[in-house]
């Protein structure tokens, strides 16, 4: 596991930026060997045919549409987590506690998946909260790409004023970079890349309304 001091130095930075501007971009959040281990697991799952085409829409009305979204995903199960996945979960659990302690978001779990975008695949502009469902509160994207060059493309475009086309921020998906933002506030999209693009994407969630 990365030395806790190496990672913990970022928790206050992340919390402060989420509080003040709603998003944060942290290059080098996790060291190269840790990123390499996660990347190898994503690729091994892909080789084993365990990544599936991502769908669009709510669970009861999912659709496949490459013109909207072209990534392959594999949801992580806590009961089947590998050692490196458990280490990642422990790091993110500490981040969850920091966000709750300072921002009172009521976050209770992290759901996440590996995502691989084949060359040319996109994810059109979207919001990470479904209408009428505010469980997803904070989006966290950790990039697992090695030796990524800006000319490969694949940037995450984060729109800073709702659906307005400008202003926006583009983040190159360099391995080890963490991007976090308020899920219900920022529209965003994934631009096409010339190389396969790999990430570990997750959402800190709050509990939904209790059933009667």
C-alpha atoms as a PDB file:
ATOM      1  CA  UNK A   1       0.000   0.000   0.000  1.00  0.00           C
ATOM      2  CA  UNK A   2       1.325   3.513  -0.726  1.00  0.00           C
ATOM      3  CA  UNK A   3       2.743   5.207   2.406  1.00  0.00           C
ATOM      4  CA  UNK A   4      -0.233   6.871   4.070  1.00  0.00           C
ATOM      5  CA  UNK A   5       1.638  10.166   4.293  1.00  0.00           C
ATOM      6  CA  UNK A   6       2.010  10.137   0.508  1.00  0.00           C
ATOM      7  CA  UNK A   7      -1.749   9.984  -0.028  1.00  0.00           C
ATOM      8  CA  UNK A   8      -3.038  11.763   3.069  1.00  0.00           C
ATOM      9  CA  UNK A   9      -1.370  15.019   2.043  1.00  0.00           C
ATOM     10  CA  UNK A  10      -4.058  15.306  -0.638  1.00  0.00           C
ATOM     11  CA  UNK A  11      -7.154  14.774   1.524  1.00  0.00           C
ATOM     12  CA  UNK A  12      -7.362  18.378   2.768  1.00  0.00           C
ATOM     13  CA  UNK A  13      -6.610  19.674  -0.746  1.00  0.00           C
ATOM     14  CA  UNK A  14      -9.433  17.583  -2.212  1.00  0.00           C
ATOM     15  CA  UNK A  15     -11.900  18.515   0.523  1.00  0.00           C
ATOM     16  CA  UNK A  16     -11.087  22.236   0.325  1.00  0.00           C
ATOM     17  CA  UNK A  17     -11.405  22.362  -3.459  1.00  0.00           C
ATOM     18  CA  UNK A  18     -14.679  20.436  -3.462  1.00  0.00           C
ATOM     19  CA  UNK A  19     -16.000  22.891  -0.862  1.00  0.00           C
ATOM     20  CA  UNK A  20     -14.784  26.025  -2.653  1.00  0.00           C
ATOM     21  CA  UNK A  21     -15.224  25.262  -6.349  1.00  0.00           C
ATOM     22  CA  UNK A  22     -16.906  21.866  -6.575  1.00  0.00           C
ATOM     23  CA  UNK A  23     -14.064  20.027  -8.315  1.00  0.00           C
ATOM     24  CA  UNK A  24     -10.383  19.142  -7.975  1.00  0.00           C
ATOM     25  CA  UNK A  25      -7.661  17.707 -10.223  1.00  0.00           C
ATOM     26  CA  UNK A  26      -4.792  15.944  -8.420  1.00  0.00           C
ATOM     27  CA  UNK A  27      -1.830  14.757 -10.550  1.00  0.00           C
ATOM     28  CA  UNK A  28       0.186  11.956  -8.944  1.00  0.00           C
ATOM     29  CA  UNK A  29      -2.491  11.045  -6.395  1.00  0.00           C
ATOM     30  CA  UNK A  30      -1.165   7.470  -6.313  1.00  0.00           C
ATOM     31  CA  UNK A  31       2.342   6.218  -7.205  1.00  0.00           C
ATOM     32  CA  UNK A  32       3.263   4.503 -10.458  1.00  0.00           C
ATOM     33  CA  UNK A  33       3.561   0.973  -9.035  1.00  0.00           C
ATOM     34  CA  UNK A  34       0.081   1.170  -7.550  1.00  0.00           C
ATOM     35  CA  UNK A  35      -1.358   2.483 -10.811  1.00  0.00           C
ATOM     36  CA  UNK A  36       0.473  -0.256 -12.716  1.00  0.00           C
ATOM     37  CA  UNK A  37      -1.085  -2.950 -10.495  1.00  0.00           C
ATOM     38  CA  UNK A  38      -4.601  -1.592 -10.991  1.00  0.00           C
ATOM     39  CA  UNK A  39      -4.039  -1.241 -14.721  1.00  0.00           C
ATOM     40  CA  UNK A  40      -2.862  -4.865 -14.972  1.00  0.00           C
ATOM     41  CA  UNK A  41      -6.031  -6.015 -13.229  1.00  0.00           C
ATOM     42  CA  UNK A  42      -8.225  -4.036 -15.609  1.00  0.00           C
ATOM     43  CA  UNK A  43      -6.414  -5.474 -18.624  1.00  0.00           C
ATOM     44  CA  UNK A  44      -6.559  -9.028 -17.221  1.00  0.00           C
ATOM     45  CA  UNK A  45     -10.318  -8.713 -16.744  1.00  0.00           C
ATOM     46  CA  UNK A  46     -10.601  -7.417 -20.291  1.00  0.00           C
ATOM     47  CA  UNK A  47      -8.566 -10.343 -21.642  1.00  0.00           C
ATOM     48  CA  UNK A  48     -10.860 -12.720 -19.752  1.00  0.00           C
ATOM     49  CA  UNK A  49     -13.910 -11.152 -21.402  1.00  0.00           C
ATOM     50  CA  UNK A  50     -15.298  -9.783 -18.144  1.00  0.00           C
ATOM     51  CA  UNK A  51     -15.681  -6.174 -19.266  1.00  0.00           C
ATOM     52  CA  UNK A  52     -19.061  -5.464 -20.823  1.00  0.00           C
ATOM     53  CA  UNK A  53     -20.377  -2.705 -23.036  1.00  0.00           C
ATOM     54  CA  UNK A  54     -21.659   0.150 -20.898  1.00  0.00           C
ATOM     55  CA  UNK A  55     -25.284   1.144 -21.314  1.00  0.00           C
ATOM     56  CA  UNK A  56     -27.097   4.467 -21.264  1.00  0.00           C
ATOM     57  CA  UNK A  57     -30.035   5.289 -19.022  1.00  0.00           C
ATOM     58  CA  UNK A  58     -31.497   3.955 -15.795  1.00  0.00           C
ATOM     59  CA  UNK A  59     -31.269   0.260 -14.968  1.00  0.00           C
ATOM     60  CA  UNK A  60     -34.865  -0.442 -15.969  1.00  0.00           C
ATOM     61  CA  UNK A  61     -34.373   1.124 -19.408  1.00  0.00           C
ATOM     62  CA  UNK A  62     -30.725   0.521 -20.302  1.00  0.00           C
ATOM     63  CA  UNK A  63     -29.685   0.856 -23.935  1.00  0.00           C
ATOM     64  CA  UNK A  64     -26.486   0.347 -25.908  1.00  0.00           C
ATOM     65  CA  UNK A  65     -25.540   3.362 -27.995  1.00  0.00           C
ATOM     66  CA  UNK A  66     -21.986   3.831 -29.275  1.00  0.00           C
ATOM     67  CA  UNK A  67     -22.868   7.317 -30.480  1.00  0.00           C
ATOM     68  CA  UNK A  68     -23.440   8.324 -26.852  1.00  0.00           C
ATOM     69  CA  UNK A  69     -21.097   6.049 -24.919  1.00  0.00           C
ATOM     70  CA  UNK A  70     -18.528   3.512 -26.101  1.00  0.00           C
ATOM     71  CA  UNK A  71     -16.659   2.273 -23.029  1.00  0.00           C
ATOM     72  CA  UNK A  72     -16.389  -1.241 -21.605  1.00  0.00           C
ATOM     73  CA  UNK A  73     -16.835  -1.585 -17.839  1.00  0.00           C
ATOM     74  CA  UNK A  74     -16.482  -4.052 -14.975  1.00  0.00           C
ATOM     75  CA  UNK A  75     -18.095  -3.251 -11.612  1.00  0.00           C
ATOM     76  CA  UNK A  76     -15.923  -4.010  -8.591  1.00  0.00           C
ATOM     77  CA  UNK A  77     -17.414  -6.244  -5.908  1.00  0.00           C
ATOM     78  CA  UNK A  78     -16.154  -5.678  -2.367  1.00  0.00           C
ATOM     79  CA  UNK A  79     -16.558  -9.364  -1.499  1.00  0.00           C
ATOM     80  CA  UNK A  80     -14.296 -10.368  -4.406  1.00  0.00           C
ATOM     81  CA  UNK A  81     -11.772  -7.542  -4.190  1.00  0.00           C
ATOM     82  CA  UNK A  82      -8.108  -8.228  -4.855  1.00  0.00           C
ATOM     83  CA  UNK A  83      -5.431  -6.977  -2.401  1.00  0.00           C
ATOM     84  CA  UNK A  84      -4.722  -3.856  -4.479  1.00  0.00           C
ATOM     85  CA  UNK A  85      -8.448  -3.128  -4.784  1.00  0.00           C
ATOM     86  CA  UNK A  86      -8.804  -3.430  -1.003  1.00  0.00           C
ATOM     87  CA  UNK A  87      -5.908  -1.017  -0.545  1.00  0.00           C
ATOM     88  CA  UNK A  88      -7.541   1.440  -2.921  1.00  0.00           C
ATOM     89  CA  UNK A  89     -10.831   1.093  -1.034  1.00  0.00           C
ATOM     90  CA  UNK A  90      -9.063   1.861   2.260  1.00  0.00           C
ATOM     91  CA  UNK A  91      -7.598   5.053   0.795  1.00  0.00           C
ATOM     92  CA  UNK A  92     -10.950   6.153  -0.560  1.00  0.00           C
ATOM     93  CA  UNK A  93     -12.657   5.312   2.727  1.00  0.00           C
ATOM     94  CA  UNK A  94     -10.390   7.810   4.467  1.00  0.00           C
ATOM     95  CA  UNK A  95     -11.263  10.377   1.800  1.00  0.00           C
ATOM     96  CA  UNK A  96     -14.968   9.656   2.348  1.00  0.00           C
ATOM     97  CA  UNK A  97     -14.555  10.302   6.073  1.00  0.00           C
ATOM     98  CA  UNK A  98     -12.767  13.598   5.340  1.00  0.00           C
ATOM     99  CA  UNK A  99     -15.529  14.767   2.996  1.00  0.00           C
ATOM    100  CA  UNK A 100     -18.218  13.857   5.506  1.00  0.00           C
ATOM    101  CA  UNK A 101     -16.392  15.426   8.436  1.00  0.00           C
ATOM    102  CA  UNK A 102     -15.890  18.774   6.712  1.00  0.00           C
ATOM    103  CA  UNK A 103     -18.735  19.006   4.187  1.00  0.00           C
ATOM    104  CA  UNK A 104     -21.518  16.998   5.898  1.00  0.00           C
ATOM    105  CA  UNK A 105     -22.424  15.175   2.673  1.00  0.00           C
ATOM    106  CA  UNK A 106     -23.728  12.008   4.316  1.00  0.00           C
ATOM    107  CA  UNK A 107     -21.654   9.747   2.064  1.00  0.00           C
ATOM    108  CA  UNK A 108     -21.902   6.086   3.027  1.00  0.00           C
ATOM    109  CA  UNK A 109     -20.244   4.067   0.263  1.00  0.00           C
ATOM    110  CA  UNK A 110     -18.175   4.132  -2.913  1.00  0.00           C
ATOM    111  CA  UNK A 111     -19.365   2.255  -5.981  1.00  0.00           C
ATOM    112  CA  UNK A 112     -16.814   1.940  -8.776  1.00  0.00           C
ATOM    113  CA  UNK A 113     -15.832   0.164 -11.955  1.00  0.00           C
ATOM    114  CA  UNK A 114     -12.930  -0.260 -14.311  1.00  0.00           C
ATOM    115  CA  UNK A 115     -13.555   1.450 -17.649  1.00  0.00           C
ATOM    116  CA  UNK A 116     -11.696   0.897 -20.911  1.00  0.00           C
ATOM    117  CA  UNK A 117     -12.403   3.130 -23.882  1.00  0.00           C
ATOM    118  CA  UNK A 118     -11.291   1.557 -27.185  1.00  0.00           C
ATOM    119  CA  UNK A 119      -9.668   3.966 -29.672  1.00  0.00           C
ATOM    120  CA  UNK A 120     -12.268   6.426 -30.953  1.00  0.00           C
ATOM    121  CA  UNK A 121     -14.797   5.719 -28.176  1.00  0.00           C
ATOM    122  CA  UNK A 122     -16.519   8.665 -26.499  1.00  0.00           C
ATOM    123  CA  UNK A 123     -18.965   9.478 -23.736  1.00  0.00           C
ATOM    124  CA  UNK A 124     -21.139  12.447 -24.692  1.00  0.00           C
ATOM    125  CA  UNK A 125     -21.892  15.326 -22.345  1.00  0.00           C
ATOM    126  CA  UNK A 126     -23.805  14.050 -19.338  1.00  0.00           C
ATOM    127  CA  UNK A 127     -24.482  14.466 -15.638  1.00  0.00           C
ATOM    128  CA  UNK A 128     -23.747  11.673 -13.154  1.00  0.00           C
ATOM    129  CA  UNK A 129     -27.058  12.053 -11.335  1.00  0.00           C
ATOM    130  CA  UNK A 130     -30.267  10.728 -12.798  1.00  0.00           C
ATOM    131  CA  UNK A 131     -33.295  12.991 -12.583  1.00  0.00           C
ATOM    132  CA  UNK A 132     -35.060  12.352  -9.284  1.00  0.00           C
ATOM    133  CA  UNK A 133     -32.148  10.353  -7.862  1.00  0.00           C
ATOM    134  CA  UNK A 134     -29.463  12.248  -5.966  1.00  0.00           C
ATOM    135  CA  UNK A 135     -27.652   9.278  -4.399  1.00  0.00           C
ATOM    136  CA  UNK A 136     -24.434   9.921  -6.332  1.00  0.00           C
ATOM    137  CA  UNK A 137     -22.795  12.919  -4.683  1.00  0.00           C
ATOM    138  CA  UNK A 138     -19.093  12.972  -5.604  1.00  0.00           C
ATOM    139  CA  UNK A 139     -17.586  11.517  -8.776  1.00  0.00           C
ATOM    140  CA  UNK A 140     -13.994  10.216  -8.533  1.00  0.00           C
ATOM    141  CA  UNK A 141     -11.975   9.213 -11.609  1.00  0.00           C
ATOM    142  CA  UNK A 142      -8.497   7.701 -11.237  1.00  0.00           C
ATOM    143  CA  UNK A 143      -6.590   7.340 -14.503  1.00  0.00           C
ATOM    144  CA  UNK A 144      -4.567   4.161 -15.067  1.00  0.00           C
ATOM    145  CA  UNK A 145      -2.882   4.980 -18.396  1.00  0.00           C
ATOM    146  CA  UNK A 146       0.883   4.546 -18.687  1.00  0.00           C
ATOM    147  CA  UNK A 147       3.106   6.791 -20.813  1.00  0.00           C
ATOM    148  CA  UNK A 148       0.093   8.786 -21.997  1.00  0.00           C
ATOM    149  CA  UNK A 149       0.823  11.686 -24.349  1.00  0.00           C
ATOM    150  CA  UNK A 150      -1.435  14.696 -24.760  1.00  0.00           C
ATOM    151  CA  UNK A 151      -1.670  14.096 -28.506  1.00  0.00           C
ATOM    152  CA  UNK A 152      -3.402  10.762 -27.830  1.00  0.00           C
ATOM    153  CA  UNK A 153      -6.534  12.714 -26.838  1.00  0.00           C
ATOM    154  CA  UNK A 154      -9.038  11.150 -24.453  1.00  0.00           C
ATOM    155  CA  UNK A 155      -9.395  14.269 -22.302  1.00  0.00           C
ATOM    156  CA  UNK A 156     -12.115  14.615 -19.706  1.00  0.00           C
ATOM    157  CA  UNK A 157     -13.946  17.854 -20.476  1.00  0.00           C
ATOM    158  CA  UNK A 158     -15.574  19.366 -17.409  1.00  0.00           C
ATOM    159  CA  UNK A 159     -18.110  22.128 -18.051  1.00  0.00           C
ATOM    160  CA  UNK A 160     -18.027  24.783 -15.357  1.00  0.00           C
ATOM    161  CA  UNK A 161     -21.381  26.495 -16.044  1.00  0.00           C
ATOM    162  CA  UNK A 162     -24.023  23.821 -16.342  1.00  0.00           C
ATOM    163  CA  UNK A 163     -24.749  22.839 -19.960  1.00  0.00           C
ATOM    164  CA  UNK A 164     -23.092  25.965 -21.345  1.00  0.00           C
ATOM    165  CA  UNK A 165     -20.327  25.115 -23.860  1.00  0.00           C
ATOM    166  CA  UNK A 166     -17.871  27.457 -22.135  1.00  0.00           C
ATOM    167  CA  UNK A 167     -15.998  27.739 -19.883  1.00  0.00           C
ATOM    168  CA  UNK A 168     -14.603  24.232 -19.556  1.00  0.00           C
ATOM    169  CA  UNK A 169     -11.492  22.458 -18.308  1.00  0.00           C
ATOM    170  CA  UNK A 170      -9.823  19.573 -20.164  1.00  0.00           C
ATOM    171  CA  UNK A 171      -7.852  16.997 -18.172  1.00  0.00           C
ATOM    172  CA  UNK A 172      -5.364  14.719 -19.935  1.00  0.00           C
ATOM    173  CA  UNK A 173      -5.842  11.171 -18.540  1.00  0.00           C
ATOM    174  CA  UNK A 174      -2.308  10.719 -17.213  1.00  0.00           C
ATOM    175  CA  UNK A 175      -1.813   7.672 -15.006  1.00  0.00           C
ATOM    176  CA  UNK A 176      -2.099   8.512 -11.311  1.00  0.00           C
ATOM    177  CA  UNK A 177      -4.239  11.632 -11.826  1.00  0.00           C
ATOM    178  CA  UNK A 178      -7.410  11.824  -9.750  1.00  0.00           C
ATOM    179  CA  UNK A 179     -10.334  14.025 -10.791  1.00  0.00           C
ATOM    180  CA  UNK A 180     -13.175  14.529  -8.303  1.00  0.00           C
ATOM    181  CA  UNK A 181     -16.266  16.713  -8.625  1.00  0.00           C
ATOM    182  CA  UNK A 182     -19.821  17.139  -7.397  1.00  0.00           C
ATOM    183  CA  UNK A 183     -21.865  14.637  -9.379  1.00  0.00           C
ATOM    184  CA  UNK A 184     -25.031  16.714  -9.578  1.00  0.00           C
ATOM    185  CA  UNK A 185     -23.360  19.956 -10.604  1.00  0.00           C
ATOM    186  CA  UNK A 186     -20.886  19.345 -13.413  1.00  0.00           C
ATOM    187  CA  UNK A 187     -21.756  18.182 -16.906  1.00  0.00           C
ATOM    188  CA  UNK A 188     -18.793  16.437 -18.518  1.00  0.00           C
ATOM    189  CA  UNK A 189     -17.761  14.301 -21.465  1.00  0.00           C
ATOM    190  CA  UNK A 190     -14.945  12.010 -22.598  1.00  0.00           C
ATOM    191  CA  UNK A 191     -13.247  13.008 -25.849  1.00  0.00           C
ATOM    192  CA  UNK A 192     -12.041  10.339 -28.324  1.00  0.00           C
ATOM    193  CA  UNK A 193      -8.508   8.971 -28.023  1.00  0.00           C
ATOM    194  CA  UNK A 194      -6.183   7.255 -30.479  1.00  0.00           C
ATOM    195  CA  UNK A 195      -5.104   4.728 -27.823  1.00  0.00           C
ATOM    196  CA  UNK A 196      -7.051   2.535 -25.378  1.00  0.00           C
ATOM    197  CA  UNK A 197      -7.938   4.685 -22.348  1.00  0.00           C
ATOM    198  CA  UNK A 198      -8.225   3.088 -18.893  1.00  0.00           C
ATOM    199  CA  UNK A 199      -9.653   4.423 -15.645  1.00  0.00           C
ATOM    200  CA  UNK A 200     -11.124   3.404 -12.319  1.00  0.00           C
ATOM    201  CA  UNK A 201     -14.298   5.457 -12.002  1.00  0.00           C
ATOM    202  CA  UNK A 202     -16.479   5.691  -8.926  1.00  0.00           C
ATOM    203  CA  UNK A 203     -19.111   7.625  -7.038  1.00  0.00           C
ATOM    204  CA  UNK A 204     -19.460   8.379  -3.362  1.00  0.00           C
ATOM    205  CA  UNK A 205     -23.147   7.859  -2.630  1.00  0.00           C
ATOM    206  CA  UNK A 206     -25.560   8.957   0.057  1.00  0.00           C
ATOM    207  CA  UNK A 207     -28.421   6.762   1.121  1.00  0.00           C
ATOM    208  CA  UNK A 208     -31.619   6.956  -0.890  1.00  0.00           C
ATOM    209  CA  UNK A 209     -35.039   7.632   0.627  1.00  0.00           C
ATOM    210  CA  UNK A 210     -36.210   4.912   2.973  1.00  0.00           C
ATOM    211  CA  UNK A 211     -38.900   2.614   1.671  1.00  0.00           C
ATOM    212  CA  UNK A 212     -42.231   2.703   3.550  1.00  0.00           C
END
